[in-house]
Amino acid sequence: MISKRKPSEARERDLQLALTRIQRGRAHTGETKVTIAAVAREAGVSTALIHNHYPNIAEAIREAQGRSSRIQRDLKEQDLSKEREKNRVLREEIKTLRNKVASLASINEVLIAENSALKGKHREFNVVDLVKK
């Protein structure tokens, strides 16, 4: 026995109706939660059919769940741009701090040299410590 397949438009209409029935609480299968699997059961098709041939229905289901891939993508993009901005600010801070470290290292080297020269002069016998009384 050969079964005749439904046209794409009719199948899409059936999927839309199944989604609407579930959302309104009038599903024939008793489904209450909107998922791709629930819509597939309600329409009498496989989940793979929805994923592979009706991506707009899958997107509508995700939107009904509150986790649209477009919404998720936009949120991730916003998060990414915020993190990039933080990264830029931190890189600038690192650059500034490295310059300060280099400057302080230079000053430190000068002070070490001066300290060494003063210790050498102090060790000579003709240098006397001045003590205030």
N, C-alpha and C. Protein backbone atom coordinates (compact mmCIF):
# COMPACT_ATOMS: atom_id res chain seq x y z
N MET A 1 0.84 -1.17 0.00
CA MET A 1 0.00 0.00 0.00
C MET A 1 0.89 1.24 0.00
N ILE A 2 0.68 2.10 -0.92
CA ILE A 2 1.46 3.33 -1.05
C ILE A 2 0.67 4.47 -0.43
N SER A 3 1.35 5.19 0.49
CA SER A 3 0.68 6.34 1.10
C SER A 3 1.12 7.60 0.39
N LYS A 4 0.20 8.47 0.18
CA LYS A 4 0.47 9.72 -0.51
C LYS A 4 0.95 10.75 0.51
N ARG A 5 2.05 11.43 0.19
CA ARG A 5 2.56 12.45 1.10
C ARG A 5 1.80 13.75 0.93
N LYS A 6 1.72 14.49 2.03
CA LYS A 6 1.05 15.78 2.00
C LYS A 6 1.96 16.80 1.34
N PRO A 7 1.38 17.77 0.68
CA PRO A 7 2.21 18.85 0.14
C PRO A 7 2.86 19.65 1.28
N SER A 8 3.93 20.28 0.98
CA SER A 8 4.71 21.03 1.98
C SER A 8 3.87 22.09 2.67
N GLU A 9 3.04 22.79 1.89
CA GLU A 9 2.23 23.86 2.48
C GLU A 9 1.21 23.30 3.46
N ALA A 10 0.62 22.17 3.12
CA ALA A 10 -0.37 21.55 4.01
C ALA A 10 0.31 21.05 5.29
N ARG A 11 1.50 20.48 5.15
CA ARG A 11 2.22 19.99 6.32
C ARG A 11 2.61 21.16 7.22
N GLU A 12 3.04 22.25 6.61
CA GLU A 12 3.41 23.43 7.41
C GLU A 12 2.19 23.98 8.14
N ARG A 13 1.04 24.01 7.48
CA ARG A 13 -0.20 24.47 8.12
C ARG A 13 -0.56 23.55 9.29
N ASP A 14 -0.39 22.23 9.10
CA ASP A 14 -0.66 21.28 10.18
C ASP A 14 0.25 21.53 11.38
N LEU A 15 1.51 21.82 11.11
CA LEU A 15 2.47 22.09 12.19
C LEU A 15 2.10 23.38 12.93
N GLN A 16 1.70 24.40 12.18
CA GLN A 16 1.29 25.66 12.80
C GLN A 16 0.06 25.44 13.68
N LEU A 17 -0.89 24.67 13.16
CA LEU A 17 -2.10 24.38 13.94
C LEU A 17 -1.77 23.58 15.20
N ALA A 18 -0.85 22.62 15.07
CA ALA A 18 -0.45 21.82 16.23
C ALA A 18 0.19 22.72 17.29
N LEU A 19 1.04 23.63 16.86
CA LEU A 19 1.68 24.58 17.78
C LEU A 19 0.62 25.44 18.47
N THR A 20 -0.33 25.94 17.71
CA THR A 20 -1.38 26.79 18.27
C THR A 20 -2.24 26.01 19.27
N ARG A 21 -2.58 24.76 18.92
CA ARG A 21 -3.39 23.95 19.85
C ARG A 21 -2.66 23.74 21.17
N ILE A 22 -1.37 23.45 21.11
CA ILE A 22 -0.60 23.23 22.34
C ILE A 22 -0.54 24.52 23.15
N GLN A 23 -0.31 25.64 22.49
CA GLN A 23 -0.22 26.92 23.20
C GLN A 23 -1.53 27.28 23.87
N ARG A 24 -2.64 26.91 23.28
CA ARG A 24 -3.95 27.24 23.84
C ARG A 24 -4.49 26.17 24.77
N GLY A 25 -3.71 25.09 24.95
CA GLY A 25 -4.13 24.04 25.86
C GLY A 25 -5.20 23.13 25.29
N ARG A 26 -5.28 23.04 23.98
CA ARG A 26 -6.31 22.21 23.33
C ARG A 26 -5.69 21.11 22.48
N ALA A 27 -4.54 20.60 22.90
CA ALA A 27 -3.86 19.58 22.12
C ALA A 27 -4.62 18.27 22.15
N HIS A 28 -4.68 17.57 21.01
CA HIS A 28 -5.36 16.28 20.91
C HIS A 28 -4.59 15.21 21.67
N THR A 29 -3.26 15.38 21.77
CA THR A 29 -2.42 14.39 22.44
C THR A 29 -2.23 14.69 23.92
N GLY A 30 -2.81 15.76 24.39
CA GLY A 30 -2.69 16.12 25.80
C GLY A 30 -1.40 16.85 26.14
N GLU A 31 -0.67 17.28 25.13
CA GLU A 31 0.58 18.02 25.35
C GLU A 31 0.27 19.36 26.01
N THR A 32 1.10 19.72 26.97
CA THR A 32 0.91 21.01 27.64
C THR A 32 2.14 21.91 27.50
N LYS A 33 3.28 21.31 27.29
CA LYS A 33 4.52 22.06 27.18
C LYS A 33 4.90 22.21 25.70
N VAL A 34 5.26 23.42 25.29
CA VAL A 34 5.61 23.68 23.90
C VAL A 34 7.06 23.26 23.67
N THR A 35 7.23 22.18 22.95
CA THR A 35 8.56 21.72 22.52
C THR A 35 8.44 21.23 21.09
N ILE A 36 9.58 21.08 20.44
CA ILE A 36 9.57 20.56 19.07
C ILE A 36 9.01 19.15 19.07
N ALA A 37 9.39 18.35 20.05
CA ALA A 37 8.89 16.97 20.13
C ALA A 37 7.38 16.95 20.33
N ALA A 38 6.86 17.85 21.17
CA ALA A 38 5.42 17.89 21.43
C ALA A 38 4.66 18.29 20.17
N VAL A 39 5.16 19.28 19.45
CA VAL A 39 4.50 19.71 18.21
C VAL A 39 4.56 18.58 17.18
N ALA A 40 5.69 17.89 17.12
CA ALA A 40 5.82 16.77 16.19
C ALA A 40 4.80 15.67 16.52
N ARG A 41 4.67 15.33 17.79
CA ARG A 41 3.68 14.31 18.19
C ARG A 41 2.27 14.78 17.86
N GLU A 42 2.00 16.04 18.16
CA GLU A 42 0.65 16.58 17.90
C GLU A 42 0.33 16.56 16.41
N ALA A 43 1.32 16.83 15.56
CA ALA A 43 1.10 16.86 14.10
C ALA A 43 1.28 15.48 13.46
N GLY A 44 1.81 14.52 14.24
CA GLY A 44 2.00 13.17 13.69
C GLY A 44 3.19 13.07 12.77
N VAL A 45 4.26 13.83 13.06
CA VAL A 45 5.48 13.79 12.25
C VAL A 45 6.67 13.59 13.17
N SER A 46 7.84 13.46 12.56
CA SER A 46 9.05 13.30 13.37
C SER A 46 9.65 14.67 13.67
N THR A 47 10.44 14.70 14.73
CA THR A 47 11.14 15.96 15.07
C THR A 47 12.15 16.31 13.99
N ALA A 48 12.74 15.29 13.37
CA ALA A 48 13.72 15.52 12.30
C ALA A 48 13.08 16.26 11.13
N LEU A 49 11.82 15.93 10.83
CA LEU A 49 11.13 16.60 9.74
C LEU A 49 11.03 18.10 10.03
N ILE A 50 10.69 18.44 11.26
CA ILE A 50 10.59 19.86 11.64
C ILE A 50 11.94 20.53 11.53
N HIS A 51 12.96 19.88 12.10
CA HIS A 51 14.31 20.48 12.07
C HIS A 51 14.84 20.63 10.65
N ASN A 52 14.65 19.61 9.83
CA ASN A 52 15.28 19.61 8.50
C ASN A 52 14.49 20.32 7.42
N HIS A 53 13.15 20.31 7.51
CA HIS A 53 12.36 20.85 6.41
C HIS A 53 11.53 22.08 6.77
N TYR A 54 11.35 22.32 8.06
CA TYR A 54 10.53 23.45 8.49
C TYR A 54 11.25 24.27 9.56
N PRO A 55 12.38 24.89 9.21
CA PRO A 55 13.14 25.65 10.21
C PRO A 55 12.36 26.85 10.75
N ASN A 56 11.44 27.39 9.94
CA ASN A 56 10.65 28.53 10.45
C ASN A 56 9.68 28.06 11.54
N ILE A 57 9.18 26.84 11.45
CA ILE A 57 8.32 26.29 12.50
C ILE A 57 9.16 26.04 13.76
N ALA A 58 10.36 25.48 13.56
CA ALA A 58 11.25 25.24 14.70
C ALA A 58 11.58 26.55 15.40
N GLU A 59 11.80 27.59 14.63
CA GLU A 59 12.09 28.91 15.20
C GLU A 59 10.88 29.45 15.94
N ALA A 60 9.69 29.25 15.40
CA ALA A 60 8.46 29.70 16.07
C ALA A 60 8.29 28.97 17.41
N ILE A 61 8.64 27.68 17.43
CA ILE A 61 8.55 26.91 18.67
C ILE A 61 9.54 27.45 19.69
N ARG A 62 10.76 27.72 19.24
CA ARG A 62 11.78 28.27 20.16
C ARG A 62 11.35 29.63 20.69
N GLU A 63 10.74 30.45 19.83
CA GLU A 63 10.24 31.75 20.28
C GLU A 63 9.15 31.58 21.32
N ALA A 64 8.28 30.60 21.11
CA ALA A 64 7.22 30.32 22.09
C ALA A 64 7.82 29.86 23.42
N GLN A 65 8.96 29.20 23.35
CA GLN A 65 9.65 28.75 24.56
C GLN A 65 10.43 29.89 25.20
N GLY A 66 10.61 30.98 24.45
CA GLY A 66 11.38 32.11 24.97
C GLY A 66 12.86 31.94 24.76
N ARG A 67 13.24 31.07 23.84
CA ARG A 67 14.67 30.89 23.58
C ARG A 67 14.94 30.82 22.08
N SER A 68 14.50 31.83 21.41
CA SER A 68 14.70 31.92 19.97
C SER A 68 16.19 31.97 19.66
N SER A 69 16.58 31.28 18.61
CA SER A 69 18.00 31.29 18.25
C SER A 69 18.43 32.70 17.85
N ARG A 70 17.54 33.45 17.25
CA ARG A 70 17.88 34.84 16.89
C ARG A 70 18.07 35.68 18.15
N ILE A 71 17.16 35.50 19.08
CA ILE A 71 17.27 36.25 20.34
C ILE A 71 18.54 35.84 21.07
N GLN A 72 18.79 34.53 21.14
CA GLN A 72 20.00 34.05 21.80
C GLN A 72 21.25 34.58 21.10
N ARG A 73 21.23 34.59 19.76
CA ARG A 73 22.37 35.10 19.00
C ARG A 73 22.60 36.57 19.31
N ASP A 74 21.52 37.35 19.33
CA ASP A 74 21.65 38.78 19.62
C ASP A 74 22.17 39.02 21.03
N LEU A 75 21.67 38.24 21.99
CA LEU A 75 22.15 38.38 23.37
C LEU A 75 23.63 38.02 23.46
N LYS A 76 24.02 36.94 22.80
CA LYS A 76 25.43 36.53 22.82
C LYS A 76 26.29 37.59 22.14
N GLU A 77 25.78 38.18 21.07
CA GLU A 77 26.52 39.22 20.38
C GLU A 77 26.71 40.45 21.28
N GLN A 78 25.65 40.81 22.02
CA GLN A 78 25.76 41.93 22.96
C GLN A 78 26.76 41.61 24.07
N ASP A 79 26.68 40.39 24.60
CA ASP A 79 27.63 39.97 25.64
C ASP A 79 29.06 40.01 25.11
N LEU A 80 29.23 39.54 23.87
CA LEU A 80 30.56 39.53 23.27
C LEU A 80 31.10 40.94 23.10
N SER A 81 30.26 41.87 22.64
CA SER A 81 30.75 43.24 22.47
C SER A 81 31.07 43.89 23.81
N LYS A 82 30.29 43.57 24.86
CA LYS A 82 30.61 44.08 26.20
C LYS A 82 31.95 43.54 26.67
N GLU A 83 32.16 42.25 26.46
CA GLU A 83 33.42 41.64 26.89
C GLU A 83 34.59 42.18 26.07
N ARG A 84 34.38 42.44 24.80
CA ARG A 84 35.44 43.04 23.98
C ARG A 84 35.81 44.43 24.49
N GLU A 85 34.79 45.19 24.90
CA GLU A 85 35.05 46.52 25.44
C GLU A 85 35.84 46.42 26.74
N LYS A 86 35.43 45.48 27.61
CA LYS A 86 36.17 45.27 28.86
C LYS A 86 37.61 44.88 28.54
N ASN A 87 37.78 44.01 27.57
CA ASN A 87 39.10 43.55 27.16
C ASN A 87 39.95 44.72 26.67
N ARG A 88 39.34 45.61 25.86
CA ARG A 88 40.06 46.78 25.35
C ARG A 88 40.52 47.67 26.50
N VAL A 89 39.61 47.91 27.47
CA VAL A 89 39.95 48.75 28.62
C VAL A 89 41.08 48.11 29.43
N LEU A 90 40.99 46.81 29.65
CA LEU A 90 42.02 46.12 30.43
C LEU A 90 43.36 46.11 29.70
N ARG A 91 43.34 45.96 28.38
CA ARG A 91 44.60 46.01 27.62
C ARG A 91 45.24 47.39 27.73
N GLU A 92 44.41 48.43 27.68
CA GLU A 92 44.93 49.79 27.82
C GLU A 92 45.52 49.99 29.21
N GLU A 93 44.84 49.47 30.23
CA GLU A 93 45.35 49.56 31.59
C GLU A 93 46.67 48.81 31.73
N ILE A 94 46.77 47.65 31.12
CA ILE A 94 48.01 46.87 31.16
C ILE A 94 49.14 47.66 30.51
N LYS A 95 48.83 48.29 29.38
CA LYS A 95 49.85 49.09 28.68
C LYS A 95 50.34 50.22 29.57
N THR A 96 49.40 50.92 30.23
CA THR A 96 49.75 52.03 31.13
C THR A 96 50.59 51.52 32.31
N LEU A 97 50.18 50.42 32.88
CA LEU A 97 50.90 49.86 34.03
C LEU A 97 52.30 49.39 33.63
N ARG A 98 52.44 48.82 32.45
CA ARG A 98 53.78 48.40 31.99
C ARG A 98 54.70 49.61 31.83
N ASN A 99 54.14 50.71 31.32
CA ASN A 99 54.95 51.93 31.20
C ASN A 99 55.37 52.43 32.58
N LYS A 100 54.46 52.39 33.55
CA LYS A 100 54.79 52.81 34.91
C LYS A 100 55.85 51.90 35.52
N VAL A 101 55.72 50.60 35.30
CA VAL A 101 56.71 49.65 35.83
C VAL A 101 58.08 49.92 35.23
N ALA A 102 58.12 50.19 33.92
CA ALA A 102 59.41 50.49 33.28
C ALA A 102 60.01 51.77 33.86
N SER A 103 59.17 52.78 34.07
CA SER A 103 59.66 54.03 34.65
C SER A 103 60.17 53.81 36.07
N LEU A 104 59.43 53.06 36.88
CA LEU A 104 59.84 52.79 38.25
C LEU A 104 61.10 51.92 38.30
N ALA A 105 61.23 51.01 37.36
CA ALA A 105 62.44 50.18 37.30
C ALA A 105 63.65 51.05 37.00
N SER A 106 63.48 52.03 36.12
CA SER A 106 64.58 52.94 35.79
C SER A 106 64.97 53.77 37.01
N ILE A 107 63.96 54.31 37.70
CA ILE A 107 64.22 55.09 38.91
C ILE A 107 64.89 54.22 39.97
N ASN A 108 64.42 52.98 40.10
CA ASN A 108 64.99 52.04 41.06
C ASN A 108 66.47 51.79 40.77
N GLU A 109 66.81 51.63 39.50
CA GLU A 109 68.21 51.39 39.13
C GLU A 109 69.08 52.60 39.49
N VAL A 110 68.55 53.80 39.26
CA VAL A 110 69.30 55.01 39.61
C VAL A 110 69.51 55.07 41.13
N LEU A 111 68.48 54.76 41.90
CA LEU A 111 68.58 54.79 43.36
C LEU A 111 69.55 53.72 43.87
N ILE A 112 69.54 52.56 43.26
CA ILE A 112 70.48 51.50 43.65
C ILE A 112 71.91 51.95 43.40
N ALA A 113 72.13 52.58 42.26
CA ALA A 113 73.48 53.07 41.94
C ALA A 113 73.90 54.16 42.93
N GLU A 114 73.01 55.10 43.24
CA GLU A 114 73.32 56.15 44.21
C GLU A 114 73.58 55.55 45.59
N ASN A 115 72.78 54.60 45.99
CA ASN A 115 72.94 53.94 47.29
C ASN A 115 74.30 53.24 47.36
N SER A 116 74.65 52.58 46.28
CA SER A 116 75.95 51.89 46.25
C SER A 116 77.11 52.89 46.35
N ALA A 117 76.97 54.02 45.65
CA ALA A 117 78.03 55.04 45.70
C ALA A 117 78.13 55.63 47.11
N LEU A 118 76.99 55.88 47.74
CA LEU A 118 77.01 56.43 49.09
C LEU A 118 77.57 55.43 50.09
N LYS A 119 77.27 54.15 49.94
CA LYS A 119 77.84 53.13 50.83
C LYS A 119 79.35 53.05 50.65
N GLY A 120 79.79 53.20 49.40
CA GLY A 120 81.25 53.19 49.14
C GLY A 120 81.94 54.37 49.79
N LYS A 121 81.32 55.53 49.72
CA LYS A 121 81.91 56.71 50.34
C LYS A 121 81.91 56.56 51.87
N HIS A 122 80.87 55.96 52.40
CA HIS A 122 80.76 55.78 53.84
C HIS A 122 81.83 54.84 54.37
N ARG A 123 82.20 53.88 53.57
CA ARG A 123 83.21 52.91 54.01
C ARG A 123 84.63 53.50 54.02
N GLU A 124 84.81 54.59 53.32
CA GLU A 124 86.13 55.21 53.35
C GLU A 124 86.39 55.73 54.77
N PHE A 125 87.62 55.75 55.13
CA PHE A 125 87.97 56.10 56.51
C PHE A 125 87.79 57.58 56.83
N ASN A 126 87.83 58.42 55.84
CA ASN A 126 87.76 59.83 56.13
C ASN A 126 86.32 60.36 56.18
N VAL A 127 85.32 59.49 56.07
CA VAL A 127 83.92 59.90 56.16
C VAL A 127 83.46 59.66 57.58
N VAL A 128 82.85 60.68 58.16
CA VAL A 128 82.38 60.60 59.53
C VAL A 128 80.87 60.80 59.52
N ASP A 129 80.18 60.00 60.31
CA ASP A 129 78.73 60.16 60.43
C ASP A 129 78.43 61.44 61.21
N LEU A 130 77.52 62.23 60.74
CA LEU A 130 77.12 63.42 61.45
C LEU A 130 75.88 63.09 62.27
N VAL A 131 76.02 63.32 63.54
CA VAL A 131 74.90 63.04 64.43
C VAL A 131 74.47 64.35 65.05
N LYS A 132 73.20 64.62 64.99
CA LYS A 132 72.72 65.86 65.59
C LYS A 132 72.52 65.63 67.07
N LYS A 133 72.96 66.57 67.84
CA LYS A 133 72.82 66.46 69.29
C LYS A 133 71.89 67.48 69.82
